[in-house]
Amino acid sequence: MNISSTDKTFAIAITGASGAPYALRLIECLVASGASLYIMVSQAGQVVLSMETDLNIPGRTDAMQAWLTEQYKAKPDQIQVFAKDQWLAPVASGSGAPDAMIVCPCTTGTLSAVACGSSNNLIERAADVVIKEQRKLIMVVRETPLSAIHLENMLKLARLGVVMLPATPGFYQNPTSVDDIVDFIVARILELLDLEHDLLPAWGE
């Protein structure tokens, strides 16, 4: 895997939608890029991580941070994990806003909360900060079918500049494994973050 080097800081929020492999592969790629990561995992996100992977990922933030650091061979303090009520985390304030934030996977409940600006937990507050500071927010929504409520929330956020990136992989690259399908979505995210990669060829190559 070859990912272009960066000195940027990205926030990653893992919520309770299906798609845990997308989140873990994204973390792996961003660590390889050299970026610093602020990671937040909802309680439902932890459930999905345990259901969709065979990895024994700890639930406590300090233990999860140590596990991710070891799992992806991150540098010391390259990964920081924050709890939902850790209001002194950098992402809770505009002065500590990351260069970009990715909600991956993103539930329609999180989508709704961000669209309303409710900021009831750190994930929602971090997204609110990124929007108000006019940084890039990418929401990897995973739901089907989509109701009018979901579509209206997506349209509302899209008009504010939020990137809607539904977890709907293409198949023109002729995937031969689940990993190939996961890489399709992660490659789209990396491109939106202006990071070069070799996860899959560009269209027409």
N, C-alpha and C. Protein backbone atom coordinates (compact mmCIF):
# COMPACT_ATOMS: atom_id res chain seq x y z
N MET A 1 0.84 -1.20 0.00
CA MET A 1 0.00 0.00 0.00
C MET A 1 0.88 1.25 0.00
N ASN A 2 0.63 2.13 -0.91
CA ASN A 2 1.38 3.38 -1.01
C ASN A 2 0.41 4.54 -0.89
N ILE A 3 0.57 5.33 0.18
CA ILE A 3 -0.28 6.50 0.41
C ILE A 3 0.63 7.71 0.51
N SER A 4 0.24 8.82 -0.13
CA SER A 4 1.07 10.01 -0.08
C SER A 4 1.20 10.52 1.35
N SER A 5 2.34 11.08 1.68
CA SER A 5 2.62 11.54 3.04
C SER A 5 1.91 12.86 3.31
N THR A 6 1.49 13.04 4.56
CA THR A 6 0.81 14.27 4.93
C THR A 6 1.10 14.59 6.39
N ASP A 7 1.04 15.86 6.74
CA ASP A 7 1.21 16.25 8.13
C ASP A 7 -0.11 16.79 8.69
N LYS A 8 -1.21 16.42 8.06
CA LYS A 8 -2.52 16.93 8.47
C LYS A 8 -3.10 16.11 9.62
N THR A 9 -4.17 16.67 10.20
CA THR A 9 -4.90 16.00 11.27
C THR A 9 -6.32 15.73 10.80
N PHE A 10 -6.76 14.49 10.94
CA PHE A 10 -8.11 14.10 10.54
C PHE A 10 -8.85 13.51 11.72
N ALA A 11 -10.14 13.82 11.82
CA ALA A 11 -11.02 13.21 12.81
C ALA A 11 -11.82 12.11 12.13
N ILE A 12 -11.94 10.99 12.81
CA ILE A 12 -12.73 9.87 12.30
C ILE A 12 -13.77 9.51 13.35
N ALA A 13 -15.02 9.47 12.95
CA ALA A 13 -16.10 9.05 13.84
C ALA A 13 -16.69 7.75 13.31
N ILE A 14 -16.75 6.74 14.16
CA ILE A 14 -17.31 5.44 13.80
C ILE A 14 -18.64 5.30 14.53
N THR A 15 -19.73 5.27 13.78
CA THR A 15 -21.05 5.16 14.40
C THR A 15 -21.64 3.78 14.09
N GLY A 16 -22.91 3.57 14.48
CA GLY A 16 -23.46 2.23 14.50
C GLY A 16 -24.03 1.68 13.20
N ALA A 17 -23.77 2.30 12.08
CA ALA A 17 -24.20 1.74 10.80
C ALA A 17 -23.29 0.58 10.42
N SER A 18 -23.79 -0.30 9.58
CA SER A 18 -22.95 -1.37 9.06
C SER A 18 -21.83 -0.77 8.21
N GLY A 19 -20.63 -1.34 8.33
CA GLY A 19 -19.51 -0.83 7.55
C GLY A 19 -18.24 -0.65 8.34
N ALA A 20 -18.09 -1.40 9.44
CA ALA A 20 -16.88 -1.31 10.25
C ALA A 20 -15.60 -1.54 9.45
N PRO A 21 -15.58 -2.46 8.48
CA PRO A 21 -14.34 -2.66 7.71
C PRO A 21 -13.89 -1.40 6.96
N TYR A 22 -14.84 -0.56 6.54
CA TYR A 22 -14.46 0.70 5.90
C TYR A 22 -13.66 1.56 6.87
N ALA A 23 -14.15 1.66 8.10
CA ALA A 23 -13.50 2.51 9.10
C ALA A 23 -12.10 2.03 9.42
N LEU A 24 -11.94 0.73 9.62
CA LEU A 24 -10.63 0.20 10.00
C LEU A 24 -9.63 0.33 8.85
N ARG A 25 -10.08 0.09 7.64
CA ARG A 25 -9.18 0.26 6.49
C ARG A 25 -8.80 1.72 6.30
N LEU A 26 -9.75 2.63 6.56
CA LEU A 26 -9.44 4.06 6.47
C LEU A 26 -8.40 4.45 7.51
N ILE A 27 -8.56 3.97 8.74
CA ILE A 27 -7.58 4.25 9.78
C ILE A 27 -6.20 3.74 9.36
N GLU A 28 -6.16 2.53 8.84
CA GLU A 28 -4.88 1.95 8.40
C GLU A 28 -4.21 2.83 7.35
N CYS A 29 -4.98 3.29 6.37
CA CYS A 29 -4.43 4.10 5.29
C CYS A 29 -3.98 5.47 5.79
N LEU A 30 -4.75 6.08 6.66
CA LEU A 30 -4.39 7.41 7.15
C LEU A 30 -3.19 7.35 8.07
N VAL A 31 -3.05 6.30 8.84
CA VAL A 31 -1.84 6.12 9.65
C VAL A 31 -0.63 6.01 8.72
N ALA A 32 -0.76 5.23 7.65
CA ALA A 32 0.33 5.06 6.70
C ALA A 32 0.70 6.37 6.02
N SER A 33 -0.27 7.29 5.91
CA SER A 33 -0.01 8.58 5.26
C SER A 33 0.79 9.52 6.16
N GLY A 34 0.86 9.19 7.45
CA GLY A 34 1.55 10.05 8.40
C GLY A 34 0.66 11.04 9.10
N ALA A 35 -0.64 11.03 8.79
CA ALA A 35 -1.56 11.97 9.41
C ALA A 35 -1.77 11.66 10.88
N SER A 36 -2.10 12.69 11.65
CA SER A 36 -2.52 12.50 13.03
C SER A 36 -4.03 12.27 13.04
N LEU A 37 -4.49 11.37 13.91
CA LEU A 37 -5.90 10.99 13.91
C LEU A 37 -6.55 11.20 15.27
N TYR A 38 -7.72 11.85 15.25
CA TYR A 38 -8.60 11.91 16.40
C TYR A 38 -9.74 10.95 16.12
N ILE A 39 -9.93 9.95 16.96
CA ILE A 39 -10.92 8.91 16.70
C ILE A 39 -11.98 8.90 17.79
N MET A 40 -13.24 8.83 17.35
CA MET A 40 -14.38 8.75 18.26
C MET A 40 -15.26 7.60 17.81
N VAL A 41 -15.67 6.76 18.75
CA VAL A 41 -16.50 5.60 18.44
C VAL A 41 -17.74 5.63 19.33
N SER A 42 -18.91 5.63 18.72
CA SER A 42 -20.14 5.60 19.51
C SER A 42 -20.32 4.22 20.13
N GLN A 43 -21.22 4.12 21.10
CA GLN A 43 -21.49 2.83 21.73
C GLN A 43 -22.01 1.83 20.70
N ALA A 44 -22.90 2.29 19.83
CA ALA A 44 -23.40 1.41 18.77
C ALA A 44 -22.29 1.05 17.79
N GLY A 45 -21.36 1.99 17.57
CA GLY A 45 -20.22 1.72 16.70
C GLY A 45 -19.36 0.60 17.25
N GLN A 46 -19.19 0.57 18.57
CA GLN A 46 -18.43 -0.50 19.19
C GLN A 46 -19.12 -1.85 18.99
N VAL A 47 -20.44 -1.86 19.07
CA VAL A 47 -21.19 -3.09 18.85
C VAL A 47 -20.97 -3.60 17.43
N VAL A 48 -21.03 -2.69 16.46
CA VAL A 48 -20.86 -3.08 15.06
C VAL A 48 -19.43 -3.57 14.81
N LEU A 49 -18.44 -2.92 15.42
CA LEU A 49 -17.06 -3.38 15.29
C LEU A 49 -16.92 -4.83 15.75
N SER A 50 -17.60 -5.18 16.85
CA SER A 50 -17.51 -6.55 17.35
C SER A 50 -18.29 -7.53 16.48
N MET A 51 -19.37 -7.06 15.85
CA MET A 51 -20.19 -7.93 15.01
C MET A 51 -19.57 -8.18 13.64
N GLU A 52 -18.92 -7.15 13.08
CA GLU A 52 -18.49 -7.24 11.68
C GLU A 52 -17.01 -7.57 11.52
N THR A 53 -16.30 -7.71 12.61
CA THR A 53 -14.89 -8.10 12.53
C THR A 53 -14.63 -9.19 13.56
N ASP A 54 -13.53 -9.89 13.39
CA ASP A 54 -13.13 -10.90 14.38
C ASP A 54 -12.03 -10.35 15.27
N LEU A 55 -11.93 -9.02 15.35
CA LEU A 55 -10.91 -8.37 16.16
C LEU A 55 -11.46 -8.06 17.55
N ASN A 56 -10.66 -8.29 18.54
CA ASN A 56 -11.06 -8.02 19.91
C ASN A 56 -10.64 -6.60 20.29
N ILE A 57 -11.41 -5.62 19.79
CA ILE A 57 -11.07 -4.22 20.01
C ILE A 57 -11.61 -3.76 21.35
N PRO A 58 -10.75 -3.26 22.24
CA PRO A 58 -11.21 -2.83 23.57
C PRO A 58 -12.22 -1.70 23.48
N GLY A 59 -13.07 -1.61 24.50
CA GLY A 59 -14.08 -0.56 24.53
C GLY A 59 -13.60 0.72 25.20
N ARG A 60 -12.74 0.62 26.20
CA ARG A 60 -12.24 1.80 26.90
C ARG A 60 -11.35 2.62 25.96
N THR A 61 -11.45 3.93 26.05
CA THR A 61 -10.73 4.77 25.09
C THR A 61 -9.22 4.59 25.17
N ASP A 62 -8.66 4.50 26.37
CA ASP A 62 -7.21 4.36 26.47
C ASP A 62 -6.74 3.02 25.92
N ALA A 63 -7.51 1.97 26.21
CA ALA A 63 -7.15 0.64 25.70
C ALA A 63 -7.34 0.57 24.18
N MET A 64 -8.39 1.21 23.68
CA MET A 64 -8.61 1.23 22.23
C MET A 64 -7.49 1.99 21.53
N GLN A 65 -7.07 3.09 22.11
CA GLN A 65 -5.98 3.87 21.53
C GLN A 65 -4.70 3.04 21.46
N ALA A 66 -4.39 2.31 22.53
CA ALA A 66 -3.19 1.46 22.54
C ALA A 66 -3.32 0.35 21.51
N TRP A 67 -4.52 -0.24 21.41
CA TRP A 67 -4.74 -1.34 20.47
C TRP A 67 -4.57 -0.86 19.03
N LEU A 68 -5.20 0.26 18.68
CA LEU A 68 -5.10 0.79 17.32
C LEU A 68 -3.66 1.18 16.99
N THR A 69 -2.97 1.77 17.95
CA THR A 69 -1.58 2.16 17.73
C THR A 69 -0.72 0.95 17.40
N GLU A 70 -0.92 -0.13 18.15
CA GLU A 70 -0.15 -1.35 17.90
C GLU A 70 -0.58 -2.04 16.62
N GLN A 71 -1.90 -2.11 16.41
CA GLN A 71 -2.43 -2.82 15.24
C GLN A 71 -1.94 -2.21 13.94
N TYR A 72 -1.88 -0.87 13.86
CA TYR A 72 -1.53 -0.20 12.62
C TYR A 72 -0.15 0.44 12.65
N LYS A 73 0.64 0.05 13.66
CA LYS A 73 2.04 0.49 13.77
C LYS A 73 2.15 2.01 13.68
N ALA A 74 1.27 2.68 14.40
CA ALA A 74 1.26 4.15 14.42
C ALA A 74 2.39 4.66 15.32
N LYS A 75 2.79 5.89 15.07
CA LYS A 75 3.77 6.53 15.92
C LYS A 75 3.13 6.88 17.26
N PRO A 76 3.93 7.07 18.29
CA PRO A 76 3.36 7.48 19.59
C PRO A 76 2.53 8.76 19.44
N ASP A 77 1.34 8.74 19.97
CA ASP A 77 0.42 9.88 19.94
C ASP A 77 -0.10 10.23 18.54
N GLN A 78 0.19 9.39 17.54
CA GLN A 78 -0.37 9.64 16.20
C GLN A 78 -1.88 9.42 16.22
N ILE A 79 -2.33 8.48 17.05
CA ILE A 79 -3.75 8.19 17.22
C ILE A 79 -4.18 8.61 18.62
N GLN A 80 -5.25 9.39 18.68
CA GLN A 80 -5.86 9.73 19.97
C GLN A 80 -7.34 9.36 19.91
N VAL A 81 -7.80 8.62 20.91
CA VAL A 81 -9.20 8.18 20.96
C VAL A 81 -9.91 8.95 22.07
N PHE A 82 -11.11 9.47 21.76
CA PHE A 82 -11.85 10.28 22.72
C PHE A 82 -13.22 9.67 22.99
N ALA A 83 -13.67 9.81 24.24
CA ALA A 83 -14.99 9.34 24.63
C ALA A 83 -16.06 10.33 24.20
N LYS A 84 -17.32 9.87 24.21
CA LYS A 84 -18.42 10.69 23.69
C LYS A 84 -18.66 11.96 24.51
N ASP A 85 -18.24 11.93 25.79
CA ASP A 85 -18.47 13.10 26.65
C ASP A 85 -17.15 13.77 27.05
N GLN A 86 -16.12 13.57 26.26
CA GLN A 86 -14.81 14.15 26.56
C GLN A 86 -14.74 15.56 25.94
N TRP A 87 -15.38 16.51 26.61
CA TRP A 87 -15.59 17.83 26.03
C TRP A 87 -14.33 18.68 25.95
N LEU A 88 -13.24 18.25 26.58
CA LEU A 88 -11.98 18.98 26.46
C LEU A 88 -11.12 18.47 25.31
N ALA A 89 -11.65 17.56 24.53
CA ALA A 89 -10.94 17.08 23.33
C ALA A 89 -10.78 18.22 22.34
N PRO A 90 -9.68 18.26 21.58
CA PRO A 90 -9.46 19.35 20.62
C PRO A 90 -10.62 19.55 19.65
N VAL A 91 -11.26 18.44 19.24
CA VAL A 91 -12.31 18.53 18.21
C VAL A 91 -13.57 19.22 18.71
N ALA A 92 -13.66 19.48 20.02
CA ALA A 92 -14.84 20.14 20.57
C ALA A 92 -14.82 21.65 20.39
N SER A 93 -13.72 22.19 19.88
CA SER A 93 -13.59 23.65 19.73
C SER A 93 -13.01 24.00 18.37
N GLY A 94 -13.42 25.14 17.87
CA GLY A 94 -12.89 25.61 16.59
C GLY A 94 -11.39 25.80 16.62
N SER A 95 -10.83 26.12 17.79
CA SER A 95 -9.39 26.32 17.88
C SER A 95 -8.62 25.02 17.71
N GLY A 96 -9.32 23.88 17.85
CA GLY A 96 -8.65 22.59 17.67
C GLY A 96 -9.24 21.78 16.55
N ALA A 97 -9.93 22.44 15.63
CA ALA A 97 -10.60 21.74 14.54
C ALA A 97 -9.60 20.99 13.66
N PRO A 98 -9.91 19.77 13.26
CA PRO A 98 -9.04 19.02 12.35
C PRO A 98 -9.11 19.59 10.94
N ASP A 99 -8.19 19.15 10.10
CA ASP A 99 -8.22 19.58 8.70
C ASP A 99 -9.45 19.04 7.99
N ALA A 100 -9.91 17.88 8.40
CA ALA A 100 -11.12 17.29 7.82
C ALA A 100 -11.64 16.24 8.80
N MET A 101 -12.93 15.91 8.65
CA MET A 101 -13.54 14.88 9.49
C MET A 101 -14.30 13.91 8.61
N ILE A 102 -14.20 12.63 8.95
CA ILE A 102 -14.91 11.59 8.22
C ILE A 102 -15.77 10.81 9.20
N VAL A 103 -17.07 10.74 8.95
CA VAL A 103 -17.97 9.89 9.73
C VAL A 103 -18.16 8.61 8.92
N CYS A 104 -17.54 7.53 9.38
CA CYS A 104 -17.47 6.30 8.58
C CYS A 104 -17.48 5.08 9.48
N PRO A 105 -18.54 4.29 9.41
CA PRO A 105 -19.80 4.52 8.70
C PRO A 105 -20.67 5.52 9.47
N CYS A 106 -21.63 6.08 8.76
CA CYS A 106 -22.49 7.11 9.34
C CYS A 106 -23.93 6.62 9.38
N THR A 107 -24.50 6.58 10.59
CA THR A 107 -25.91 6.22 10.71
C THR A 107 -26.78 7.38 10.26
N THR A 108 -28.03 7.07 9.93
CA THR A 108 -28.96 8.15 9.59
C THR A 108 -29.33 8.95 10.84
N GLY A 109 -29.17 8.34 12.03
CA GLY A 109 -29.38 9.10 13.27
C GLY A 109 -28.33 10.17 13.45
N THR A 110 -27.06 9.81 13.18
CA THR A 110 -25.98 10.80 13.24
C THR A 110 -26.18 11.86 12.17
N LEU A 111 -26.58 11.42 10.99
CA LEU A 111 -26.88 12.36 9.90
C LEU A 111 -27.91 13.38 10.36
N SER A 112 -28.98 12.92 10.99
CA SER A 112 -30.05 13.80 11.45
C SER A 112 -29.55 14.76 12.53
N ALA A 113 -28.77 14.23 13.48
CA ALA A 113 -28.28 15.07 14.58
C ALA A 113 -27.37 16.18 14.07
N VAL A 114 -26.52 15.84 13.12
CA VAL A 114 -25.60 16.84 12.56
C VAL A 114 -26.39 17.88 11.76
N ALA A 115 -27.39 17.41 11.01
CA ALA A 115 -28.21 18.34 10.21
C ALA A 115 -28.96 19.32 11.10
N CYS A 116 -29.30 18.87 12.32
CA CYS A 116 -30.01 19.75 13.26
C CYS A 116 -29.08 20.56 14.14
N GLY A 117 -27.79 20.22 14.14
CA GLY A 117 -26.84 20.93 14.98
C GLY A 117 -27.03 20.66 16.46
N SER A 118 -27.46 19.45 16.80
CA SER A 118 -27.82 19.17 18.20
C SER A 118 -26.61 19.10 19.13
N SER A 119 -25.49 18.57 18.67
CA SER A 119 -24.24 18.53 19.46
C SER A 119 -24.43 17.91 20.84
N ASN A 120 -25.14 16.79 20.91
CA ASN A 120 -25.40 16.14 22.19
C ASN A 120 -24.26 15.24 22.66
N ASN A 121 -23.31 14.94 21.78
CA ASN A 121 -22.14 14.16 22.17
C ASN A 121 -20.94 14.68 21.37
N LEU A 122 -19.77 14.13 21.62
CA LEU A 122 -18.57 14.68 21.00
C LEU A 122 -18.55 14.50 19.49
N ILE A 123 -19.09 13.38 19.01
CA ILE A 123 -19.14 13.17 17.55
C ILE A 123 -19.96 14.28 16.89
N GLU A 124 -21.14 14.53 17.43
CA GLU A 124 -22.01 15.56 16.85
C GLU A 124 -21.38 16.95 16.97
N ARG A 125 -20.77 17.22 18.12
CA ARG A 125 -20.13 18.52 18.32
C ARG A 125 -18.94 18.68 17.37
N ALA A 126 -18.14 17.64 17.19
CA ALA A 126 -16.98 17.71 16.30
C ALA A 126 -17.43 18.01 14.87
N ALA A 127 -18.52 17.37 14.44
CA ALA A 127 -19.04 17.64 13.09
C ALA A 127 -19.54 19.07 12.98
N ASP A 128 -20.20 19.56 14.02
CA ASP A 128 -20.69 20.93 14.05
C ASP A 128 -19.53 21.92 13.94
N VAL A 129 -18.44 21.62 14.65
CA VAL A 129 -17.25 22.48 14.60
C VAL A 129 -16.66 22.51 13.20
N VAL A 130 -16.55 21.35 12.59
CA VAL A 130 -15.96 21.27 11.24
C VAL A 130 -16.80 22.08 10.25
N ILE A 131 -18.12 22.01 10.38
CA ILE A 131 -18.98 22.78 9.48
C ILE A 131 -18.81 24.27 9.70
N LYS A 132 -18.84 24.69 10.97
CA LYS A 132 -18.77 26.13 11.24
C LYS A 132 -17.41 26.71 10.90
N GLU A 133 -16.36 25.88 10.99
CA GLU A 133 -15.01 26.34 10.63
C GLU A 133 -14.72 26.17 9.14
N GLN A 134 -15.71 25.69 8.41
CA GLN A 134 -15.64 25.52 6.95
C GLN A 134 -14.49 24.59 6.55
N ARG A 135 -14.34 23.52 7.34
CA ARG A 135 -13.42 22.45 6.97
C ARG A 135 -14.23 21.36 6.25
N LYS A 136 -13.55 20.37 5.72
CA LYS A 136 -14.24 19.33 4.96
C LYS A 136 -14.82 18.28 5.90
N LEU A 137 -16.10 17.99 5.73
CA LEU A 137 -16.79 16.93 6.46
C LEU A 137 -17.32 15.93 5.45
N ILE A 138 -16.92 14.66 5.61
CA ILE A 138 -17.33 13.58 4.71
C ILE A 138 -18.17 12.61 5.51
N MET A 139 -19.38 12.35 5.05
CA MET A 139 -20.29 11.46 5.76
C MET A 139 -20.56 10.23 4.90
N VAL A 140 -20.06 9.09 5.36
CA VAL A 140 -20.21 7.82 4.63
C VAL A 140 -21.49 7.15 5.13
N VAL A 141 -22.60 7.61 4.61
CA VAL A 141 -23.92 7.14 5.06
C VAL A 141 -24.15 5.72 4.58
N ARG A 142 -24.64 4.86 5.49
CA ARG A 142 -24.91 3.47 5.14
C ARG A 142 -26.32 3.12 5.59
N GLU A 143 -27.23 3.18 4.64
CA GLU A 143 -28.62 2.82 4.91
C GLU A 143 -29.29 2.52 3.58
N THR A 144 -30.26 1.64 3.59
CA THR A 144 -31.04 1.37 2.38
C THR A 144 -32.34 0.67 2.75
N PRO A 145 -33.46 1.05 2.17
CA PRO A 145 -33.63 2.20 1.29
C PRO A 145 -33.57 3.50 2.10
N LEU A 146 -33.45 4.60 1.38
CA LEU A 146 -33.40 5.91 2.02
C LEU A 146 -34.79 6.54 2.02
N SER A 147 -35.21 7.03 3.18
CA SER A 147 -36.51 7.70 3.26
C SER A 147 -36.38 9.16 2.86
N ALA A 148 -37.52 9.82 2.72
CA ALA A 148 -37.50 11.26 2.40
C ALA A 148 -36.80 12.04 3.51
N ILE A 149 -36.94 11.58 4.76
CA ILE A 149 -36.26 12.25 5.88
C ILE A 149 -34.75 12.19 5.68
N HIS A 150 -34.24 11.00 5.36
CA HIS A 150 -32.80 10.85 5.14
C HIS A 150 -32.32 11.75 4.00
N LEU A 151 -33.08 11.73 2.90
CA LEU A 151 -32.69 12.51 1.72
C LEU A 151 -32.72 14.01 2.00
N GLU A 152 -33.72 14.45 2.76
CA GLU A 152 -33.80 15.88 3.10
C GLU A 152 -32.63 16.29 3.99
N ASN A 153 -32.24 15.44 4.94
CA ASN A 153 -31.09 15.75 5.79
C ASN A 153 -29.79 15.78 4.98
N MET A 154 -29.67 14.86 4.03
CA MET A 154 -28.49 14.83 3.18
C MET A 154 -28.42 16.08 2.32
N LEU A 155 -29.57 16.49 1.76
CA LEU A 155 -29.60 17.69 0.93
C LEU A 155 -29.27 18.93 1.74
N LYS A 156 -29.80 19.01 2.94
CA LYS A 156 -29.54 20.15 3.81
C LYS A 156 -28.05 20.29 4.08
N LEU A 157 -27.38 19.19 4.40
CA LEU A 157 -25.95 19.22 4.69
C LEU A 157 -25.12 19.44 3.43
N ALA A 158 -25.55 18.84 2.32
CA ALA A 158 -24.83 19.03 1.07
C ALA A 158 -24.82 20.49 0.66
N ARG A 159 -25.91 21.19 0.91
CA ARG A 159 -25.97 22.62 0.58
C ARG A 159 -25.04 23.45 1.45
N LEU A 160 -24.62 22.88 2.59
CA LEU A 160 -23.65 23.55 3.47
C LEU A 160 -22.22 23.17 3.12
N GLY A 161 -22.06 22.33 2.11
CA GLY A 161 -20.72 21.92 1.69
C GLY A 161 -20.26 20.59 2.23
N VAL A 162 -21.12 19.91 3.00
CA VAL A 162 -20.76 18.60 3.51
C VAL A 162 -20.79 17.59 2.37
N VAL A 163 -19.80 16.71 2.32
CA VAL A 163 -19.72 15.70 1.26
C VAL A 163 -20.52 14.47 1.67
N MET A 164 -21.50 14.12 0.87
CA MET A 164 -22.26 12.89 1.09
C MET A 164 -21.63 11.78 0.25
N LEU A 165 -21.08 10.78 0.92
CA LEU A 165 -20.42 9.68 0.23
C LEU A 165 -21.05 8.37 0.70
N PRO A 166 -22.21 8.02 0.16
CA PRO A 166 -22.87 6.78 0.58
C PRO A 166 -21.97 5.57 0.31
N ALA A 167 -22.06 4.59 1.18
CA ALA A 167 -21.24 3.38 1.02
C ALA A 167 -21.84 2.50 -0.06
N THR A 168 -21.71 2.96 -1.31
CA THR A 168 -22.25 2.24 -2.46
C THR A 168 -21.11 1.99 -3.45
N PRO A 169 -20.35 0.92 -3.25
CA PRO A 169 -19.18 0.67 -4.10
C PRO A 169 -19.55 0.35 -5.55
N GLY A 170 -18.65 0.73 -6.45
CA GLY A 170 -18.80 0.36 -7.85
C GLY A 170 -18.12 -0.98 -8.11
N PHE A 171 -18.32 -1.51 -9.29
CA PHE A 171 -17.76 -2.82 -9.61
C PHE A 171 -17.00 -2.83 -10.93
N TYR A 172 -16.73 -1.64 -11.49
CA TYR A 172 -16.02 -1.60 -12.77
C TYR A 172 -14.58 -2.04 -12.63
N GLN A 173 -14.04 -2.09 -11.40
CA GLN A 173 -12.67 -2.54 -11.20
C GLN A 173 -12.58 -4.06 -11.06
N ASN A 174 -13.73 -4.74 -11.25
CA ASN A 174 -13.80 -6.19 -11.18
C ASN A 174 -13.25 -6.74 -9.87
N PRO A 175 -13.89 -6.39 -8.75
CA PRO A 175 -13.39 -6.86 -7.45
C PRO A 175 -13.45 -8.37 -7.34
N THR A 176 -12.46 -8.93 -6.66
CA THR A 176 -12.41 -10.38 -6.47
C THR A 176 -12.51 -10.76 -5.00
N SER A 177 -12.65 -9.76 -4.12
CA SER A 177 -12.74 -10.03 -2.70
C SER A 177 -13.51 -8.91 -2.01
N VAL A 178 -13.91 -9.16 -0.78
CA VAL A 178 -14.55 -8.12 0.02
C VAL A 178 -13.58 -6.96 0.24
N ASP A 179 -12.31 -7.28 0.41
CA ASP A 179 -11.30 -6.22 0.61
C ASP A 179 -11.27 -5.26 -0.58
N ASP A 180 -11.44 -5.78 -1.78
CA ASP A 180 -11.47 -4.92 -2.97
C ASP A 180 -12.66 -3.96 -2.92
N ILE A 181 -13.79 -4.46 -2.45
CA ILE A 181 -14.99 -3.62 -2.36
C ILE A 181 -14.80 -2.55 -1.30
N VAL A 182 -14.21 -2.92 -0.17
CA VAL A 182 -13.92 -1.95 0.89
C VAL A 182 -12.97 -0.88 0.36
N ASP A 183 -11.94 -1.31 -0.35
CA ASP A 183 -10.95 -0.35 -0.87
C ASP A 183 -11.57 0.65 -1.84
N PHE A 184 -12.62 0.27 -2.53
CA PHE A 184 -13.27 1.20 -3.46
C PHE A 184 -13.77 2.43 -2.71
N ILE A 185 -14.45 2.21 -1.59
CA ILE A 185 -14.98 3.33 -0.81
C ILE A 185 -13.86 4.11 -0.15
N VAL A 186 -12.90 3.41 0.43
CA VAL A 186 -11.80 4.08 1.11
C VAL A 186 -10.99 4.91 0.11
N ALA A 187 -10.82 4.42 -1.09
CA ALA A 187 -10.09 5.18 -2.12
C ALA A 187 -10.80 6.49 -2.43
N ARG A 188 -12.13 6.47 -2.49
CA ARG A 188 -12.89 7.70 -2.74
C ARG A 188 -12.66 8.71 -1.61
N ILE A 189 -12.62 8.20 -0.38
CA ILE A 189 -12.40 9.09 0.76
C ILE A 189 -11.01 9.71 0.68
N LEU A 190 -10.00 8.89 0.40
CA LEU A 190 -8.63 9.39 0.32
C LEU A 190 -8.50 10.46 -0.75
N GLU A 191 -9.17 10.26 -1.87
CA GLU A 191 -9.11 11.25 -2.95
C GLU A 191 -9.73 12.57 -2.53
N LEU A 192 -10.82 12.51 -1.76
CA LEU A 192 -11.45 13.73 -1.27
C LEU A 192 -10.57 14.45 -0.25
N LEU A 193 -9.66 13.70 0.38
CA LEU A 193 -8.70 14.28 1.33
C LEU A 193 -7.41 14.70 0.63
N ASP A 194 -7.40 14.62 -0.70
CA ASP A 194 -6.23 15.00 -1.51
C ASP A 194 -5.02 14.13 -1.19
N LEU A 195 -5.27 12.84 -0.95
CA LEU A 195 -4.19 11.89 -0.70
C LEU A 195 -4.09 10.91 -1.87
N GLU A 196 -2.92 10.80 -2.44
CA GLU A 196 -2.70 9.83 -3.51
C GLU A 196 -2.62 8.43 -2.91
N HIS A 197 -3.02 7.43 -3.69
CA HIS A 197 -3.03 6.06 -3.20
C HIS A 197 -2.90 5.09 -4.37
N ASP A 198 -2.69 3.82 -4.03
CA ASP A 198 -2.66 2.79 -5.05
C ASP A 198 -3.65 1.67 -4.72
N LEU A 199 -4.76 2.03 -4.07
CA LEU A 199 -5.75 1.02 -3.69
C LEU A 199 -6.47 0.44 -4.90
N LEU A 200 -6.67 1.26 -5.91
CA LEU A 200 -7.30 0.78 -7.14
C LEU A 200 -7.00 1.78 -8.24
N PRO A 201 -6.98 1.33 -9.49
CA PRO A 201 -6.67 2.25 -10.59
C PRO A 201 -7.79 3.26 -10.81
N ALA A 202 -7.42 4.39 -11.35
CA ALA A 202 -8.41 5.40 -11.72
C ALA A 202 -9.23 4.92 -12.91
N TRP A 203 -10.38 5.53 -13.09
CA TRP A 203 -11.25 5.18 -14.21
C TRP A 203 -10.51 5.26 -15.52
N GLY A 204 -10.60 4.20 -16.33
CA GLY A 204 -9.98 4.19 -17.65
C GLY A 204 -8.57 3.64 -17.67
N GLU A 205 -7.95 3.46 -16.50
CA GLU A 205 -6.58 2.92 -16.46
C GLU A 205 -6.60 1.39 -16.49
